[in-house]
Amino acid sequence: MVAVFAWGWSQIRRGLTVARPVLNAGAQTVGTELLAIRTALDAGGPVSGYAALMGEHKIDGLGQAFGTKLLHFLSSDTDRALIADSITAKAFARADLPRMPSAQCTPLRYRRYIEHMRGWAAELSEDPRDGGGPIGADDLEMVLFGFNAPPGSAWALDDP
């Protein structure tokens, strides 16, 4: 959990203020909820983990943006959870793609987002016979994230 906060807020001042409710909730409380979220993720995949994160096992102060980052890092390589935050939403708007899940979206909308990204990644994957390889939805998401991150941030990529 701390790694997710450090990854996301390492370069902005308000990070500790935003993280404070989670960090102040107590290790026992947060740990119990995180274990339940991880169990749901392992048992049913990213959408089940998301439903637990935003529903029954909601942690005060942990919203969709950092919650989906947490799910991303906890999920398996074969069923990777995707990150739904303002930067990926900006990428969708900028590319005139179907609407990205809004803040506090439903598990159904999150599932549709994952399906869209997986389908798009499959379409973009190169034919292995041509020396290319598959593109994962999370790889595609990181490219979108990088091209839409604030200029000068550690995650920003130069425009193509």
C-alpha atoms as a PDB file:
ATOM      1  CA  MET A   1       0.000   0.000   0.000  1.00  0.00           C
ATOM      2  CA  VAL A   2       2.773   2.415   0.882  1.00  0.00           C
ATOM      3  CA  ALA A   3       4.513   1.555  -2.409  1.00  0.00           C
ATOM      4  CA  VAL A   4       1.354   2.539  -4.323  1.00  0.00           C
ATOM      5  CA  PHE A   5       1.230   5.874  -2.500  1.00  0.00           C
ATOM      6  CA  ALA A   6       4.934   6.501  -3.120  1.00  0.00           C
ATOM      7  CA  TRP A   7       4.604   5.589  -6.800  1.00  0.00           C
ATOM      8  CA  GLY A   8       1.683   7.911  -7.328  1.00  0.00           C
ATOM      9  CA  TRP A   9       2.579  10.852  -5.148  1.00  0.00           C
ATOM     10  CA  SER A  10       6.342  10.897  -5.110  1.00  0.00           C
ATOM     11  CA  GLN A  11       6.508  14.250  -6.876  1.00  0.00           C
ATOM     12  CA  ILE A  12       3.553  16.162  -5.497  1.00  0.00           C
ATOM     13  CA  ARG A  13       3.180  17.840  -2.153  1.00  0.00           C
ATOM     14  CA  ARG A  14      -0.387  16.943  -1.358  1.00  0.00           C
ATOM     15  CA  GLY A  15       0.306  13.198  -1.350  1.00  0.00           C
ATOM     16  CA  LEU A  16       0.578  12.783   2.402  1.00  0.00           C
ATOM     17  CA  THR A  17      -2.539  14.865   2.980  1.00  0.00           C
ATOM     18  CA  VAL A  18      -4.526  12.693   0.588  1.00  0.00           C
ATOM     19  CA  ALA A  19      -3.054   9.456   1.987  1.00  0.00           C
ATOM     20  CA  ARG A  20      -3.603  10.454   5.629  1.00  0.00           C
ATOM     21  CA  PRO A  21      -7.108   8.907   6.060  1.00  0.00           C
ATOM     22  CA  VAL A  22      -5.839   5.530   4.874  1.00  0.00           C
ATOM     23  CA  LEU A  23      -2.634   5.670   6.869  1.00  0.00           C
ATOM     24  CA  ASN A  24      -4.486   6.847  10.006  1.00  0.00           C
ATOM     25  CA  ALA A  25      -7.130   4.109   9.827  1.00  0.00           C
ATOM     26  CA  GLY A  26      -4.746   1.720  11.532  1.00  0.00           C
ATOM     27  CA  ALA A  27      -2.780  -1.224  10.268  1.00  0.00           C
ATOM     28  CA  GLN A  28      -5.272  -3.803  11.571  1.00  0.00           C
ATOM     29  CA  THR A  29      -8.285  -2.184   9.903  1.00  0.00           C
ATOM     30  CA  VAL A  30      -6.565  -1.435   6.594  1.00  0.00           C
ATOM     31  CA  GLY A  31      -4.804  -4.801   6.564  1.00  0.00           C
ATOM     32  CA  THR A  32      -8.064  -6.692   7.083  1.00  0.00           C
ATOM     33  CA  GLU A  33      -9.753  -4.838   4.223  1.00  0.00           C
ATOM     34  CA  LEU A  34      -6.739  -5.186   1.913  1.00  0.00           C
ATOM     35  CA  LEU A  35      -6.635  -8.930   2.566  1.00  0.00           C
ATOM     36  CA  ALA A  36     -10.340  -9.206   1.680  1.00  0.00           C
ATOM     37  CA  ILE A  37      -9.760  -7.178  -1.507  1.00  0.00           C
ATOM     38  CA  ARG A  38      -6.784  -9.380  -2.429  1.00  0.00           C
ATOM     39  CA  THR A  39      -8.833 -12.517  -1.785  1.00  0.00           C
ATOM     40  CA  ALA A  40     -11.627 -11.250  -4.062  1.00  0.00           C
ATOM     41  CA  LEU A  41      -9.067 -10.329  -6.732  1.00  0.00           C
ATOM     42  CA  ASP A  42      -7.385 -13.750  -6.578  1.00  0.00           C
ATOM     43  CA  ALA A  43     -10.707 -15.612  -6.613  1.00  0.00           C
ATOM     44  CA  GLY A  44     -12.563 -13.664  -9.282  1.00  0.00           C
ATOM     45  CA  GLY A  45     -10.124 -11.428 -11.146  1.00  0.00           C
ATOM     46  CA  PRO A  46      -9.874  -7.648 -11.479  1.00  0.00           C
ATOM     47  CA  VAL A  47     -13.608  -6.915 -11.569  1.00  0.00           C
ATOM     48  CA  SER A  48     -14.222  -8.891  -8.368  1.00  0.00           C
ATOM     49  CA  GLY A  49     -11.307  -7.115  -6.732  1.00  0.00           C
ATOM     50  CA  TYR A  50     -12.710  -3.779  -7.899  1.00  0.00           C
ATOM     51  CA  ALA A  51     -16.165  -4.624  -6.532  1.00  0.00           C
ATOM     52  CA  ALA A  52     -14.625  -5.444  -3.132  1.00  0.00           C
ATOM     53  CA  LEU A  53     -12.444  -2.311  -3.227  1.00  0.00           C
ATOM     54  CA  MET A  54     -15.313   0.045  -3.995  1.00  0.00           C
ATOM     55  CA  GLY A  55     -18.022  -1.841  -2.094  1.00  0.00           C
ATOM     56  CA  GLU A  56     -18.038  -4.019   0.986  1.00  0.00           C
ATOM     57  CA  HIS A  57     -14.329  -3.542   1.767  1.00  0.00           C
ATOM     58  CA  LYS A  58     -14.057   0.180   0.973  1.00  0.00           C
ATOM     59  CA  ILE A  59     -11.240   1.891   2.854  1.00  0.00           C
ATOM     60  CA  ASP A  60     -11.934   5.512   3.770  1.00  0.00           C
ATOM     61  CA  GLY A  61      -9.652   7.692   1.671  1.00  0.00           C
ATOM     62  CA  LEU A  62      -8.766   5.035  -0.909  1.00  0.00           C
ATOM     63  CA  GLY A  63     -10.590   5.909  -4.100  1.00  0.00           C
ATOM     64  CA  GLN A  64     -10.777   4.495  -7.577  1.00  0.00           C
ATOM     65  CA  ALA A  65      -7.511   5.994  -8.877  1.00  0.00           C
ATOM     66  CA  PHE A  66      -5.207   4.606  -6.216  1.00  0.00           C
ATOM     67  CA  GLY A  67      -7.403   1.605  -5.575  1.00  0.00           C
ATOM     68  CA  THR A  68      -7.006   0.437  -9.161  1.00  0.00           C
ATOM     69  CA  LYS A  69      -3.259   1.068  -8.942  1.00  0.00           C
ATOM     70  CA  LEU A  70      -3.221  -1.219  -5.921  1.00  0.00           C
ATOM     71  CA  LEU A  71      -5.240  -3.851  -7.824  1.00  0.00           C
ATOM     72  CA  HIS A  72      -2.820  -3.533 -10.740  1.00  0.00           C
ATOM     73  CA  PHE A  73       0.197  -4.314  -8.579  1.00  0.00           C
ATOM     74  CA  LEU A  74      -1.584  -7.137  -6.730  1.00  0.00           C
ATOM     75  CA  SER A  75      -3.008  -8.857  -9.800  1.00  0.00           C
ATOM     76  CA  SER A  76      -1.390 -11.654 -11.755  1.00  0.00           C
ATOM     77  CA  ASP A  77       0.415 -11.136 -15.049  1.00  0.00           C
ATOM     78  CA  THR A  78      -2.189 -13.280 -16.793  1.00  0.00           C
ATOM     79  CA  ASP A  79      -5.196 -11.283 -15.515  1.00  0.00           C
ATOM     80  CA  ARG A  80      -3.812  -7.799 -14.845  1.00  0.00           C
ATOM     81  CA  ALA A  81      -6.133  -5.176 -13.336  1.00  0.00           C
ATOM     82  CA  LEU A  82      -6.070  -1.872 -15.207  1.00  0.00           C
ATOM     83  CA  ILE A  83      -5.733   1.581 -13.692  1.00  0.00           C
ATOM     84  CA  ALA A  84      -8.704   3.900 -13.933  1.00  0.00           C
ATOM     85  CA  ASP A  85      -7.555   7.416 -13.050  1.00  0.00           C
ATOM     86  CA  SER A  86      -7.691  10.955 -14.425  1.00  0.00           C
ATOM     87  CA  ILE A  87      -4.622  10.474 -16.631  1.00  0.00           C
ATOM     88  CA  THR A  88      -5.985   7.397 -18.399  1.00  0.00           C
ATOM     89  CA  ALA A  89      -9.367   9.144 -18.688  1.00  0.00           C
ATOM     90  CA  LYS A  90      -7.577  12.090 -20.324  1.00  0.00           C
ATOM     91  CA  ALA A  91      -5.980   9.680 -22.782  1.00  0.00           C
ATOM     92  CA  PHE A  92      -9.383   8.334 -23.758  1.00  0.00           C
ATOM     93  CA  ALA A  93     -10.820  11.818 -24.220  1.00  0.00           C
ATOM     94  CA  ARG A  94      -7.794  12.997 -26.191  1.00  0.00           C
ATOM     95  CA  ALA A  95      -7.946   9.999 -28.539  1.00  0.00           C
ATOM     96  CA  ASP A  96     -11.734  10.303 -28.908  1.00  0.00           C
ATOM     97  CA  LEU A  97     -12.184   6.774 -27.554  1.00  0.00           C
ATOM     98  CA  PRO A  98     -15.304   5.429 -25.846  1.00  0.00           C
ATOM     99  CA  ARG A  99     -15.788   7.012 -22.451  1.00  0.00           C
ATOM    100  CA  MET A 100     -13.464   5.801 -19.721  1.00  0.00           C
ATOM    101  CA  PRO A 101     -14.955   4.856 -16.353  1.00  0.00           C
ATOM    102  CA  SER A 102     -15.699   7.933 -14.292  1.00  0.00           C
ATOM    103  CA  ALA A 103     -14.758   8.327 -10.659  1.00  0.00           C
ATOM    104  CA  GLN A 104     -16.462   5.722  -8.520  1.00  0.00           C
ATOM    105  CA  CYS A 105     -17.769   3.794 -11.526  1.00  0.00           C
ATOM    106  CA  THR A 106     -19.612   0.527 -11.152  1.00  0.00           C
ATOM    107  CA  PRO A 107     -17.942  -2.870 -11.482  1.00  0.00           C
ATOM    108  CA  LEU A 108     -19.843  -3.305 -14.771  1.00  0.00           C
ATOM    109  CA  ARG A 109     -18.290  -0.153 -16.249  1.00  0.00           C
ATOM    110  CA  TYR A 110     -14.851  -1.216 -14.981  1.00  0.00           C
ATOM    111  CA  ARG A 111     -15.337  -4.606 -16.676  1.00  0.00           C
ATOM    112  CA  ARG A 112     -16.274  -2.866 -19.918  1.00  0.00           C
ATOM    113  CA  TYR A 113     -13.143  -0.707 -19.680  1.00  0.00           C
ATOM    114  CA  ILE A 114     -10.937  -3.781 -19.231  1.00  0.00           C
ATOM    115  CA  GLU A 115     -12.656  -5.574 -22.121  1.00  0.00           C
ATOM    116  CA  HIS A 116     -12.219  -2.540 -24.380  1.00  0.00           C
ATOM    117  CA  MET A 117      -8.523  -2.226 -23.546  1.00  0.00           C
ATOM    118  CA  ARG A 118      -7.900  -5.957 -24.010  1.00  0.00           C
ATOM    119  CA  GLY A 119      -9.671  -5.919 -27.366  1.00  0.00           C
ATOM    120  CA  TRP A 120      -7.769  -2.876 -28.522  1.00  0.00           C
ATOM    121  CA  ALA A 121      -4.452  -4.392 -27.406  1.00  0.00           C
ATOM    122  CA  ALA A 122      -5.253  -7.591 -29.304  1.00  0.00           C
ATOM    123  CA  GLU A 123      -5.978  -5.580 -32.458  1.00  0.00           C
ATOM    124  CA  LEU A 124      -2.679  -3.723 -32.118  1.00  0.00           C
ATOM    125  CA  SER A 125      -0.584  -6.800 -31.418  1.00  0.00           C
ATOM    126  CA  GLU A 126       1.829  -7.674 -34.161  1.00  0.00           C
ATOM    127  CA  ASP A 127       1.730 -11.032 -35.863  1.00  0.00           C
ATOM    128  CA  PRO A 128       4.398 -13.219 -34.179  1.00  0.00           C
ATOM    129  CA  ARG A 129       5.319 -14.544 -37.624  1.00  0.00           C
ATOM    130  CA  ASP A 130       6.561 -11.021 -38.445  1.00  0.00           C
ATOM    131  CA  GLY A 131       8.869 -10.963 -35.415  1.00  0.00           C
ATOM    132  CA  GLY A 132       6.408  -9.017 -33.277  1.00  0.00           C
ATOM    133  CA  GLY A 133       4.711 -10.091 -30.130  1.00  0.00           C
ATOM    134  CA  PRO A 134       1.511  -9.610 -28.233  1.00  0.00           C
ATOM    135  CA  ILE A 135       0.707  -6.304 -26.581  1.00  0.00           C
ATOM    136  CA  GLY A 136      -0.923  -6.582 -23.180  1.00  0.00           C
ATOM    137  CA  ALA A 137      -3.755  -4.265 -22.187  1.00  0.00           C
ATOM    138  CA  ASP A 138      -1.602  -3.055 -19.295  1.00  0.00           C
ATOM    139  CA  ASP A 139       1.250  -2.273 -21.725  1.00  0.00           C
ATOM    140  CA  LEU A 140      -1.124  -0.244 -23.864  1.00  0.00           C
ATOM    141  CA  GLU A 141      -2.438   1.513 -20.776  1.00  0.00           C
ATOM    142  CA  MET A 142       1.096   2.485 -19.701  1.00  0.00           C
ATOM    143  CA  VAL A 143       1.738   4.023 -23.128  1.00  0.00           C
ATOM    144  CA  LEU A 144      -1.499   6.019 -22.901  1.00  0.00           C
ATOM    145  CA  PHE A 145      -0.573   7.016 -19.358  1.00  0.00           C
ATOM    146  CA  GLY A 146       2.905   8.132 -20.383  1.00  0.00           C
ATOM    147  CA  PHE A 147       1.738  10.250 -23.298  1.00  0.00           C
ATOM    148  CA  ASN A 148      -0.877  11.954 -21.129  1.00  0.00           C
ATOM    149  CA  ALA A 149       1.060  12.383 -17.875  1.00  0.00           C
ATOM    150  CA  PRO A 150       1.830  15.941 -16.818  1.00  0.00           C
ATOM    151  CA  PRO A 151       4.870  17.313 -18.696  1.00  0.00           C
ATOM    152  CA  GLY A 152       8.031  16.942 -16.679  1.00  0.00           C
ATOM    153  CA  SER A 153       6.639  14.185 -14.460  1.00  0.00           C
ATOM    154  CA  ALA A 154       8.591  10.976 -14.000  1.00  0.00           C
ATOM    155  CA  TRP A 155       5.991   9.101 -16.076  1.00  0.00           C
ATOM    156  CA  ALA A 156       5.720  11.487 -19.023  1.00  0.00           C
ATOM    157  CA  LEU A 157       6.800  10.231 -22.426  1.00  0.00           C
ATOM    158  CA  ASP A 158       7.746  12.534 -25.264  1.00  0.00           C
ATOM    159  CA  ASP A 159       5.091  13.004 -27.917  1.00  0.00           C
ATOM    160  CA  PRO A 160       5.531  10.616 -30.865  1.00  0.00           C
END
